[in-house]
């Protein structure tokens, strides 16, 4: 059985306690929220070196997840705009 930790120490470590076993976030918003919490925890200076490294790794994973979600959204917008901005037959594209 693990030794009990103080409440404040446990709260400071909570975002990174299982960094090696955490799953992908459910959404962009969930990833961004977790990333913001991780940054705040790391900036608090209360993490051990191992915890800080785990938090950094998790933060990189979350940042990659967010970047991929933004790239996908950007591509969807591009496709939608191409569909919307097509010149229809019989119209003059220069009279826009």
PDB file of N, CA and C in Angstrom:
ATOM      1  N   UNK A   1       0.848  -1.176   0.000  1.00  0.00           N
ATOM      2  CA  UNK A   1       0.000   0.000   0.000  1.00  0.00           C
ATOM      3  C   UNK A   1       0.891   1.236   0.000  1.00  0.00           C
ATOM      4  N   UNK A   2       0.639   2.222  -0.922  1.00  0.00           N
ATOM      5  CA  UNK A   2       1.469   3.411  -0.985  1.00  0.00           C
ATOM      6  C   UNK A   2       1.291   4.264   0.255  1.00  0.00           C
ATOM      7  N   UNK A   3       2.339   4.980   0.584  1.00  0.00           N
ATOM      8  CA  UNK A   3       2.266   5.853   1.754  1.00  0.00           C
ATOM      9  C   UNK A   3       1.373   7.041   1.453  1.00  0.00           C
ATOM     10  N   UNK A   4       0.614   7.510   2.458  1.00  0.00           N
ATOM     11  CA  UNK A   4      -0.266   8.660   2.226  1.00  0.00           C
ATOM     12  C   UNK A   4       0.547   9.920   2.012  1.00  0.00           C
ATOM     13  N   UNK A   5       0.023  10.806   1.176  1.00  0.00           N
ATOM     14  CA  UNK A   5       0.688  12.066   0.878  1.00  0.00           C
ATOM     15  C   UNK A   5      -0.168  13.192   1.408  1.00  0.00           C
ATOM     16  N   UNK A   6       0.460  14.318   1.656  1.00  0.00           N
ATOM     17  CA  UNK A   6      -0.311  15.464   2.129  1.00  0.00           C
ATOM     18  C   UNK A   6      -1.254  15.928   1.030  1.00  0.00           C
ATOM     19  N   UNK A   7      -2.340  16.555   1.419  1.00  0.00           N
ATOM     20  CA  UNK A   7      -3.361  16.998   0.483  1.00  0.00           C
ATOM     21  C   UNK A   7      -2.806  17.957  -0.559  1.00  0.00           C
ATOM     22  N   UNK A   8      -2.025  18.939  -0.132  1.00  0.00           N
ATOM     23  CA  UNK A   8      -1.501  19.916  -1.086  1.00  0.00           C
ATOM     24  C   UNK A   8      -0.503  19.272  -2.050  1.00  0.00           C
ATOM     25  N   UNK A   9       0.315  18.370  -1.560  1.00  0.00           N
ATOM     26  CA  UNK A   9       1.264  17.691  -2.443  1.00  0.00           C
ATOM     27  C   UNK A   9       0.525  16.805  -3.432  1.00  0.00           C
ATOM     28  N   UNK A  10      -0.510  16.130  -2.983  1.00  0.00           N
ATOM     29  CA  UNK A  10      -1.284  15.273  -3.877  1.00  0.00           C
ATOM     30  C   UNK A  10      -1.965  16.107  -4.952  1.00  0.00           C
ATOM     31  N   UNK A  11      -2.500  17.264  -4.580  1.00  0.00           N
ATOM     32  CA  UNK A  11      -3.146  18.124  -5.564  1.00  0.00           C
ATOM     33  C   UNK A  11      -2.147  18.652  -6.579  1.00  0.00           C
ATOM     34  N   UNK A  12      -0.954  18.987  -6.140  1.00  0.00           N
ATOM     35  CA  UNK A  12       0.063  19.496  -7.054  1.00  0.00           C
ATOM     36  C   UNK A  12       0.491  18.420  -8.037  1.00  0.00           C
ATOM     37  N   UNK A  13       0.462  17.176  -7.612  1.00  0.00           N
ATOM     38  CA  UNK A  13       0.915  16.078  -8.463  1.00  0.00           C
ATOM     39  C   UNK A  13      -0.212  15.452  -9.269  1.00  0.00           C
ATOM     40  N   UNK A  14      -1.447  15.740  -8.938  1.00  0.00           N
ATOM     41  CA  UNK A  14      -2.584  15.077  -9.554  1.00  0.00           C
ATOM     42  C   UNK A  14      -2.546  15.057 -11.077  1.00  0.00           C
ATOM     43  N   UNK A  15      -2.259  16.181 -11.767  1.00  0.00           N
ATOM     44  CA  UNK A  15      -2.283  16.151 -13.227  1.00  0.00           C
ATOM     45  C   UNK A  15      -1.237  15.242 -13.842  1.00  0.00           C
ATOM     46  N   UNK A  16      -0.207  14.879 -13.084  1.00  0.00           N
ATOM     47  CA  UNK A  16       0.869  14.085 -13.673  1.00  0.00           C
ATOM     48  C   UNK A  16       1.035  12.745 -12.988  1.00  0.00           C
ATOM     49  N   UNK A  17       0.154  12.405 -12.055  1.00  0.00           N
ATOM     50  CA  UNK A  17       0.338  11.196 -11.272  1.00  0.00           C
ATOM     51  C   UNK A  17       0.363   9.935 -12.130  1.00  0.00           C
ATOM     52  N   UNK A  18      -0.380   9.927 -13.212  1.00  0.00           N
ATOM     53  CA  UNK A  18      -0.414   8.743 -14.072  1.00  0.00           C
ATOM     54  C   UNK A  18      -0.067   9.111 -15.503  1.00  0.00           C
ATOM     55  N   UNK A  19       0.901   9.984 -15.678  1.00  0.00           N
ATOM     56  CA  UNK A  19       1.229  10.491 -17.012  1.00  0.00           C
ATOM     57  C   UNK A  19       1.573   9.375 -17.991  1.00  0.00           C
ATOM     58  N   UNK A  20       2.154   8.308 -17.503  1.00  0.00           N
ATOM     59  CA  UNK A  20       2.514   7.224 -18.405  1.00  0.00           C
ATOM     60  C   UNK A  20       1.330   6.388 -18.851  1.00  0.00           C
ATOM     61  N   UNK A  21       0.211   6.490 -18.152  1.00  0.00           N
ATOM     62  CA  UNK A  21      -0.928   5.639 -18.472  1.00  0.00           C
ATOM     63  C   UNK A  21      -2.146   6.419 -18.933  1.00  0.00           C
ATOM     64  N   UNK A  22      -2.041   7.737 -19.068  1.00  0.00           N
ATOM     65  CA  UNK A  22      -3.197   8.532 -19.463  1.00  0.00           C
ATOM     66  C   UNK A  22      -3.525   8.307 -20.919  1.00  0.00           C
ATOM     67  N   UNK A  23      -4.818   8.361 -21.190  1.00  0.00           N
ATOM     68  CA  UNK A  23      -5.304   8.154 -22.552  1.00  0.00           C
ATOM     69  C   UNK A  23      -5.370   9.479 -23.294  1.00  0.00           C
ATOM     70  N   UNK A  24      -5.656   9.383 -24.568  1.00  0.00           N
ATOM     71  CA  UNK A  24      -5.829  10.590 -25.367  1.00  0.00           C
ATOM     72  C   UNK A  24      -7.050  11.348 -24.860  1.00  0.00           C
ATOM     73  N   UNK A  25      -6.993  12.669 -24.877  1.00  0.00           N
ATOM     74  CA  UNK A  25      -8.126  13.463 -24.411  1.00  0.00           C
ATOM     75  C   UNK A  25      -9.346  13.253 -25.297  1.00  0.00           C
ATOM     76  N   UNK A  26     -10.520  13.469 -24.713  1.00  0.00           N
ATOM     77  CA  UNK A  26     -11.776  13.256 -25.436  1.00  0.00           C
ATOM     78  C   UNK A  26     -12.010  14.318 -26.507  1.00  0.00           C
ATOM     79  N   UNK A  27     -11.448  15.503 -26.325  1.00  0.00           N
ATOM     80  CA  UNK A  27     -11.692  16.589 -27.269  1.00  0.00           C
ATOM     81  C   UNK A  27     -10.539  17.592 -27.223  1.00  0.00           C
ATOM     82  N   UNK A  28     -10.573  18.518 -28.163  1.00  0.00           N
ATOM     83  CA  UNK A  28      -9.600  19.603 -28.180  1.00  0.00           C
ATOM     84  C   UNK A  28      -9.701  20.401 -26.888  1.00  0.00           C
ATOM     85  N   UNK A  29     -10.930  20.708 -26.480  1.00  0.00           N
ATOM     86  CA  UNK A  29     -11.140  21.502 -25.277  1.00  0.00           C
ATOM     87  C   UNK A  29     -10.622  20.801 -24.032  1.00  0.00           C
ATOM     88  N   UNK A  30     -10.838  19.489 -23.950  1.00  0.00           N
ATOM     89  CA  UNK A  30     -10.342  18.719 -22.805  1.00  0.00           C
ATOM     90  C   UNK A  30      -8.816  18.727 -22.779  1.00  0.00           C
ATOM     91  N   UNK A  31      -8.203  18.585 -23.944  1.00  0.00           N
ATOM     92  CA  UNK A  31      -6.738  18.602 -24.025  1.00  0.00           C
ATOM     93  C   UNK A  31      -6.195  19.965 -23.623  1.00  0.00           C
ATOM     94  N   UNK A  32      -6.827  21.023 -24.097  1.00  0.00           N
ATOM     95  CA  UNK A  32      -6.366  22.361 -23.780  1.00  0.00           C
ATOM     96  C   UNK A  32      -6.507  22.656 -22.288  1.00  0.00           C
ATOM     97  N   UNK A  33      -7.615  22.234 -21.689  1.00  0.00           N
ATOM     98  CA  UNK A  33      -7.822  22.426 -20.252  1.00  0.00           C
ATOM     99  C   UNK A  33      -6.763  21.681 -19.453  1.00  0.00           C
ATOM    100  N   UNK A  34      -6.508  20.430 -19.830  1.00  0.00           N
ATOM    101  CA  UNK A  34      -5.492  19.643 -19.119  1.00  0.00           C
ATOM    102  C   UNK A  34      -4.112  20.267 -19.301  1.00  0.00           C
ATOM    103  N   UNK A  35      -3.819  20.736 -20.493  1.00  0.00           N
ATOM    104  CA  UNK A  35      -2.526  21.369 -20.757  1.00  0.00           C
ATOM    105  C   UNK A  35      -2.362  22.626 -19.907  1.00  0.00           C
ATOM    106  N   UNK A  36      -3.405  23.432 -19.806  1.00  0.00           N
ATOM    107  CA  UNK A  36      -3.335  24.637 -18.978  1.00  0.00           C
ATOM    108  C   UNK A  36      -3.088  24.283 -17.512  1.00  0.00           C
ATOM    109  N   UNK A  37      -3.741  23.229 -17.017  1.00  0.00           N
ATOM    110  CA  UNK A  37      -3.524  22.790 -15.639  1.00  0.00           C
ATOM    111  C   UNK A  37      -2.093  22.299 -15.432  1.00  0.00           C
ATOM    112  N   UNK A  38      -1.601  21.554 -16.418  1.00  0.00           N
ATOM    113  CA  UNK A  38      -0.226  21.049 -16.326  1.00  0.00           C
ATOM    114  C   UNK A  38       0.773  22.195 -16.257  1.00  0.00           C
ATOM    115  N   UNK A  39       0.593  23.188 -17.097  1.00  0.00           N
ATOM    116  CA  UNK A  39       1.507  24.330 -17.109  1.00  0.00           C
ATOM    117  C   UNK A  39       1.480  25.032 -15.753  1.00  0.00           C
ATOM    118  N   UNK A  40       0.288  25.247 -15.223  1.00  0.00           N
ATOM    119  CA  UNK A  40       0.176  25.907 -13.913  1.00  0.00           C
ATOM    120  C   UNK A  40       0.869  25.084 -12.832  1.00  0.00           C
ATOM    121  N   UNK A  41       0.698  23.776 -12.878  1.00  0.00           N
ATOM    122  CA  UNK A  41       1.331  22.901 -11.893  1.00  0.00           C
ATOM    123  C   UNK A  41       2.851  22.955 -12.021  1.00  0.00           C
ATOM    124  N   UNK A  42       3.336  22.915 -13.254  1.00  0.00           N
ATOM    125  CA  UNK A  42       4.779  22.974 -13.466  1.00  0.00           C
ATOM    126  C   UNK A  42       5.337  24.322 -13.029  1.00  0.00           C
ATOM    127  N   UNK A  43       4.605  25.385 -13.299  1.00  0.00           N
ATOM    128  CA  UNK A  43       5.078  26.716 -12.921  1.00  0.00           C
ATOM    129  C   UNK A  43       5.070  26.928 -11.410  1.00  0.00           C
ATOM    130  N   UNK A  44       4.293  26.123 -10.695  1.00  0.00           N
ATOM    131  CA  UNK A  44       4.233  26.264  -9.239  1.00  0.00           C
ATOM    132  C   UNK A  44       5.551  25.878  -8.580  1.00  0.00           C
ATOM    133  N   UNK A  45       6.361  25.059  -9.269  1.00  0.00           N
ATOM    134  CA  UNK A  45       7.646  24.645  -8.734  1.00  0.00           C
ATOM    135  C   UNK A  45       7.547  23.577  -7.657  1.00  0.00           C
ATOM    136  N   UNK A  46       6.391  22.950  -7.529  1.00  0.00           N
ATOM    137  CA  UNK A  46       6.192  21.965  -6.461  1.00  0.00           C
ATOM    138  C   UNK A  46       6.402  20.525  -6.921  1.00  0.00           C
ATOM    139  N   UNK A  47       6.775  20.324  -8.157  1.00  0.00           N
ATOM    140  CA  UNK A  47       6.962  18.969  -8.666  1.00  0.00           C
ATOM    141  C   UNK A  47       8.402  18.515  -8.466  1.00  0.00           C
ATOM    142  N   UNK A  48       8.545  17.220  -8.252  1.00  0.00           N
ATOM    143  CA  UNK A  48       9.891  16.647  -8.230  1.00  0.00           C
ATOM    144  C   UNK A  48      10.408  16.620  -9.667  1.00  0.00           C
ATOM    145  N   UNK A  49      11.659  16.312  -9.830  1.00  0.00           N
ATOM    146  CA  UNK A  49      12.230  16.239 -11.173  1.00  0.00           C
ATOM    147  C   UNK A  49      11.496  15.201 -12.015  1.00  0.00           C
ATOM    148  N   UNK A  50      11.259  14.019 -11.458  1.00  0.00           N
ATOM    149  CA  UNK A  50      10.560  12.971 -12.206  1.00  0.00           C
ATOM    150  C   UNK A  50       9.142  13.398 -12.577  1.00  0.00           C
ATOM    151  N   UNK A  51       8.464  14.052 -11.650  1.00  0.00           N
ATOM    152  CA  UNK A  51       7.104  14.525 -11.925  1.00  0.00           C
ATOM    153  C   UNK A  51       7.111  15.613 -13.001  1.00  0.00           C
ATOM    154  N   UNK A  52       8.106  16.494 -12.936  1.00  0.00           N
ATOM    155  CA  UNK A  52       8.215  17.560 -13.935  1.00  0.00           C
ATOM    156  C   UNK A  52       8.487  16.973 -15.315  1.00  0.00           C
ATOM    157  N   UNK A  53       9.328  15.956 -15.383  1.00  0.00           N
ATOM    158  CA  UNK A  53       9.600  15.308 -16.671  1.00  0.00           C
ATOM    159  C   UNK A  53       8.356  14.613 -17.214  1.00  0.00           C
ATOM    160  N   UNK A  54       7.622  13.935 -16.340  1.00  0.00           N
ATOM    161  CA  UNK A  54       6.378  13.284 -16.759  1.00  0.00           C
ATOM    162  C   UNK A  54       5.364  14.325 -17.221  1.00  0.00           C
ATOM    163  N   UNK A  55       5.279  15.436 -16.507  1.00  0.00           N
ATOM    164  CA  UNK A  55       4.355  16.507 -16.886  1.00  0.00           C
ATOM    165  C   UNK A  55       4.761  17.104 -18.230  1.00  0.00           C
ATOM    166  N   UNK A  56       6.061  17.281 -18.439  1.00  0.00           N
ATOM    167  CA  UNK A  56       6.544  17.821 -19.711  1.00  0.00           C
ATOM    168  C   UNK A  56       6.182  16.881 -20.863  1.00  0.00           C
ATOM    169  N   UNK A  57       6.398  15.593 -20.658  1.00  0.00           N
ATOM    170  CA  UNK A  57       6.055  14.608 -21.694  1.00  0.00           C
ATOM    171  C   UNK A  57       4.567  14.639 -22.001  1.00  0.00           C
ATOM    172  N   UNK A  58       3.743  14.650 -20.951  1.00  0.00           N
ATOM    173  CA  UNK A  58       2.292  14.700 -21.148  1.00  0.00           C
ATOM    174  C   UNK A  58       1.905  15.999 -21.855  1.00  0.00           C
ATOM    175  N   UNK A  59       2.541  17.093 -21.469  1.00  0.00           N
ATOM    176  CA  UNK A  59       2.255  18.373 -22.104  1.00  0.00           C
ATOM    177  C   UNK A  59       2.570  18.356 -23.593  1.00  0.00           C
ATOM    178  N   UNK A  60       3.678  17.740 -23.958  1.00  0.00           N
ATOM    179  CA  UNK A  60       4.013  17.618 -25.379  1.00  0.00           C
ATOM    180  C   UNK A  60       2.973  16.791 -26.121  1.00  0.00           C
ATOM    181  N   UNK A  61       2.532  15.694 -25.498  1.00  0.00           N
ATOM    182  CA  UNK A  61       1.495  14.863 -26.117  1.00  0.00           C
ATOM    183  C   UNK A  61       0.204  15.654 -26.304  1.00  0.00           C
ATOM    184  N   UNK A  62      -0.166  16.424 -25.282  1.00  0.00           N
ATOM    185  CA  UNK A  62      -1.391  17.227 -25.365  1.00  0.00           C
ATOM    186  C   UNK A  62      -1.250  18.318 -26.426  1.00  0.00           C
ATOM    187  N   UNK A  63      -0.089  18.946 -26.492  1.00  0.00           N
ATOM    188  CA  UNK A  63       0.135  19.987 -27.494  1.00  0.00           C
ATOM    189  C   UNK A  63       0.046  19.402 -28.909  1.00  0.00           C
ATOM    190  N   UNK A  64       0.594  18.215 -29.091  1.00  0.00           N
ATOM    191  CA  UNK A  64       0.499  17.549 -30.407  1.00  0.00           C
ATOM    192  C   UNK A  64      -0.958  17.235 -30.741  1.00  0.00           C
ATOM    193  N   UNK A  65      -1.713  16.769 -29.740  1.00  0.00           N
ATOM    194  CA  UNK A  65      -3.133  16.474 -29.947  1.00  0.00           C
ATOM    195  C   UNK A  65      -3.868  17.746 -30.374  1.00  0.00           C
ATOM    196  N   UNK A  66      -3.619  18.852 -29.675  1.00  0.00           N
ATOM    197  CA  UNK A  66      -4.273  20.119 -30.007  1.00  0.00           C
ATOM    198  C   UNK A  66      -3.876  20.583 -31.406  1.00  0.00           C
ATOM    199  N   UNK A  67      -2.596  20.479 -31.732  1.00  0.00           N
ATOM    200  CA  UNK A  67      -2.129  20.899 -33.049  1.00  0.00           C
ATOM    201  C   UNK A  67      -2.783  20.070 -34.154  1.00  0.00           C
ATOM    202  N   UNK A  68      -2.904  18.775 -33.945  1.00  0.00           N
ATOM    203  CA  UNK A  68      -3.549  17.914 -34.939  1.00  0.00           C
ATOM    204  C   UNK A  68      -5.025  18.281 -35.096  1.00  0.00           C
ATOM    205  N   UNK A  69      -5.692  18.563 -33.987  1.00  0.00           N
ATOM    206  CA  UNK A  69      -7.107  18.941 -34.045  1.00  0.00           C
ATOM    207  C   UNK A  69      -7.275  20.263 -34.793  1.00  0.00           C
ATOM    208  N   UNK A  70      -6.378  21.218 -34.537  1.00  0.00           N
ATOM    209  CA  UNK A  70      -6.446  22.504 -35.235  1.00  0.00           C
ATOM    210  C   UNK A  70      -6.146  22.351 -36.719  1.00  0.00           C
ATOM    211  N   UNK A  71      -5.198  21.508 -37.053  1.00  0.00           N
ATOM    212  CA  UNK A  71      -4.874  21.259 -38.460  1.00  0.00           C
ATOM    213  C   UNK A  71      -6.065  20.643 -39.179  1.00  0.00           C
ATOM    214  N   UNK A  72      -6.719  19.687 -38.522  1.00  0.00           N
ATOM    215  CA  UNK A  72      -7.892  19.052 -39.108  1.00  0.00           C
ATOM    216  C   UNK A  72      -9.030  20.061 -39.280  1.00  0.00           C
ATOM    217  N   UNK A  73      -9.251  20.901 -38.289  1.00  0.00           N
ATOM    218  CA  UNK A  73     -10.306  21.918 -38.379  1.00  0.00           C
ATOM    219  C   UNK A  73      -9.995  22.914 -39.503  1.00  0.00           C
ATOM    220  N   UNK A  74      -8.738  23.313 -39.601  1.00  0.00           N
ATOM    221  CA  UNK A  74      -8.324  24.244 -40.660  1.00  0.00           C
ATOM    222  C   UNK A  74      -8.592  23.628 -42.036  1.00  0.00           C
ATOM    223  N   UNK A  75      -8.304  22.357 -42.187  1.00  0.00           N
ATOM    224  CA  UNK A  75      -8.542  21.672 -43.458  1.00  0.00           C
ATOM    225  C   UNK A  75     -10.029  21.599 -43.767  1.00  0.00           C
ATOM    226  N   UNK A  76     -10.840  21.334 -42.753  1.00  0.00           N
ATOM    227  CA  UNK A  76     -12.294  21.290 -42.954  1.00  0.00           C
ATOM    228  C   UNK A  76     -12.822  22.657 -43.385  1.00  0.00           C
ATOM    229  N   UNK A  77     -12.322  23.723 -42.780  1.00  0.00           N
ATOM    230  CA  UNK A  77     -12.734  25.076 -43.156  1.00  0.00           C
ATOM    231  C   UNK A  77     -12.322  25.355 -44.594  1.00  0.00           C
ATOM    232  N   UNK A  78     -11.109  24.966 -44.961  1.00  0.00           N
ATOM    233  CA  UNK A  78     -10.635  25.182 -46.333  1.00  0.00           C
ATOM    234  C   UNK A  78     -11.551  24.485 -47.334  1.00  0.00           C
ATOM    235  N   UNK A  79     -11.907  23.249 -47.031  1.00  0.00           N
ATOM    236  CA  UNK A  79     -12.784  22.486 -47.930  1.00  0.00           C
ATOM    237  C   UNK A  79     -14.159  23.146 -48.012  1.00  0.00           C
ATOM    238  N   UNK A  80     -14.700  23.563 -46.888  1.00  0.00           N
ATOM    239  CA  UNK A  80     -16.000  24.226 -46.887  1.00  0.00           C
ATOM    240  C   UNK A  80     -15.962  25.523 -47.681  1.00  0.00           C
ATOM    241  N   UNK A  81     -14.901  26.288 -47.521  1.00  0.00           N
ATOM    242  CA  UNK A  81     -14.784  27.543 -48.251  1.00  0.00           C
ATOM    243  C   UNK A  81     -14.637  27.297 -49.747  1.00  0.00           C
ATOM    244  N   UNK A  82     -13.929  26.265 -50.135  1.00  0.00           N
ATOM    245  CA  UNK A  82     -13.800  25.952 -51.557  1.00  0.00           C
ATOM    246  C   UNK A  82     -15.155  25.603 -52.146  1.00  0.00           C
ATOM    247  N   UNK A  83     -15.954  24.875 -51.400  1.00  0.00           N
ATOM    248  CA  UNK A  83     -17.298  24.516 -51.863  1.00  0.00           C
ATOM    249  C   UNK A  83     -18.176  25.759 -51.973  1.00  0.00           C
ATOM    250  N   UNK A  84     -18.074  26.663 -51.025  1.00  0.00           N
ATOM    251  CA  UNK A  84     -18.904  27.857 -50.972  1.00  0.00           C
ATOM    252  C   UNK A  84     -18.481  28.885 -52.009  1.00  0.00           C
ATOM    253  N   UNK A  85     -17.190  28.982 -52.236  1.00  0.00           N
ATOM    254  CA  UNK A  85     -16.672  30.047 -53.088  1.00  0.00           C
ATOM    255  C   UNK A  85     -16.480  29.636 -54.549  1.00  0.00           C
ATOM    256  N   UNK A  86     -17.073  28.519 -54.944  1.00  0.00           N
ATOM    257  CA  UNK A  86     -16.963  28.096 -56.337  1.00  0.00           C
ATOM    258  C   UNK A  86     -17.707  29.081 -57.235  1.00  0.00           C
ATOM    259  N   UNK A  87     -17.167  29.287 -58.420  1.00  0.00           N
ATOM    260  CA  UNK A  87     -17.844  30.108 -59.423  1.00  0.00           C
ATOM    261  C   UNK A  87     -18.809  29.200 -60.139  1.00  0.00           C
ATOM    262  N   UNK A  88     -20.061  29.612 -60.162  1.00  0.00           N
ATOM    263  CA  UNK A  88     -21.078  28.801 -60.796  1.00  0.00           C
ATOM    264  C   UNK A  88     -21.106  29.076 -62.297  1.00  0.00           C
ATOM    265  N   UNK A  89     -21.466  28.064 -63.083  1.00  0.00           N
ATOM    266  CA  UNK A  89     -21.539  28.253 -64.534  1.00  0.00           C
ATOM    267  C   UNK A  89     -22.505  29.389 -64.889  1.00  0.00           C
ATOM    268  N   UNK A  90     -22.112  30.216 -65.838  1.00  0.00           N
ATOM    269  CA  UNK A  90     -22.968  31.301 -66.265  1.00  0.00           C
ATOM    270  C   UNK A  90     -22.761  32.597 -65.506  1.00  0.00           C
ATOM    271  N   UNK A  91     -21.861  32.579 -64.494  1.00  0.00           N
ATOM    272  CA  UNK A  91     -21.570  33.814 -63.772  1.00  0.00           C
ATOM    273  C   UNK A  91     -20.184  34.276 -64.145  1.00  0.00           C
ATOM    274  N   UNK A  92     -19.948  35.543 -64.027  1.00  0.00           N
ATOM    275  CA  UNK A  92     -18.642  36.111 -64.351  1.00  0.00           C
ATOM    276  C   UNK A  92     -17.834  36.251 -63.078  1.00  0.00           C
ATOM    277  N   UNK A  93     -16.753  35.541 -62.967  1.00  0.00           N
ATOM    278  CA  UNK A  93     -15.918  35.545 -61.751  1.00  0.00           C
ATOM    279  C   UNK A  93     -15.308  36.925 -61.500  1.00  0.00           C
ATOM    280  N   UNK A  94     -15.152  37.744 -62.531  1.00  0.00           N
ATOM    281  CA  UNK A  94     -14.525  39.056 -62.377  1.00  0.00           C
ATOM    282  C   UNK A  94     -15.488  40.120 -61.876  1.00  0.00           C
ATOM    283  N   UNK A  95     -16.781  39.841 -61.868  1.00  0.00           N
ATOM    284  CA  UNK A  95     -17.768  40.834 -61.417  1.00  0.00           C
ATOM    285  C   UNK A  95     -18.046  40.750 -59.935  1.00  0.00           C
ATOM    286  N   UNK A  96     -17.381  39.827 -59.165  1.00  0.00           N
ATOM    287  CA  UNK A  96     -17.560  39.513 -57.782  1.00  0.00           C
ATOM    288  C   UNK A  96     -18.027  40.530 -56.909  1.00  0.00           C
TER     289      UNK A  96
END
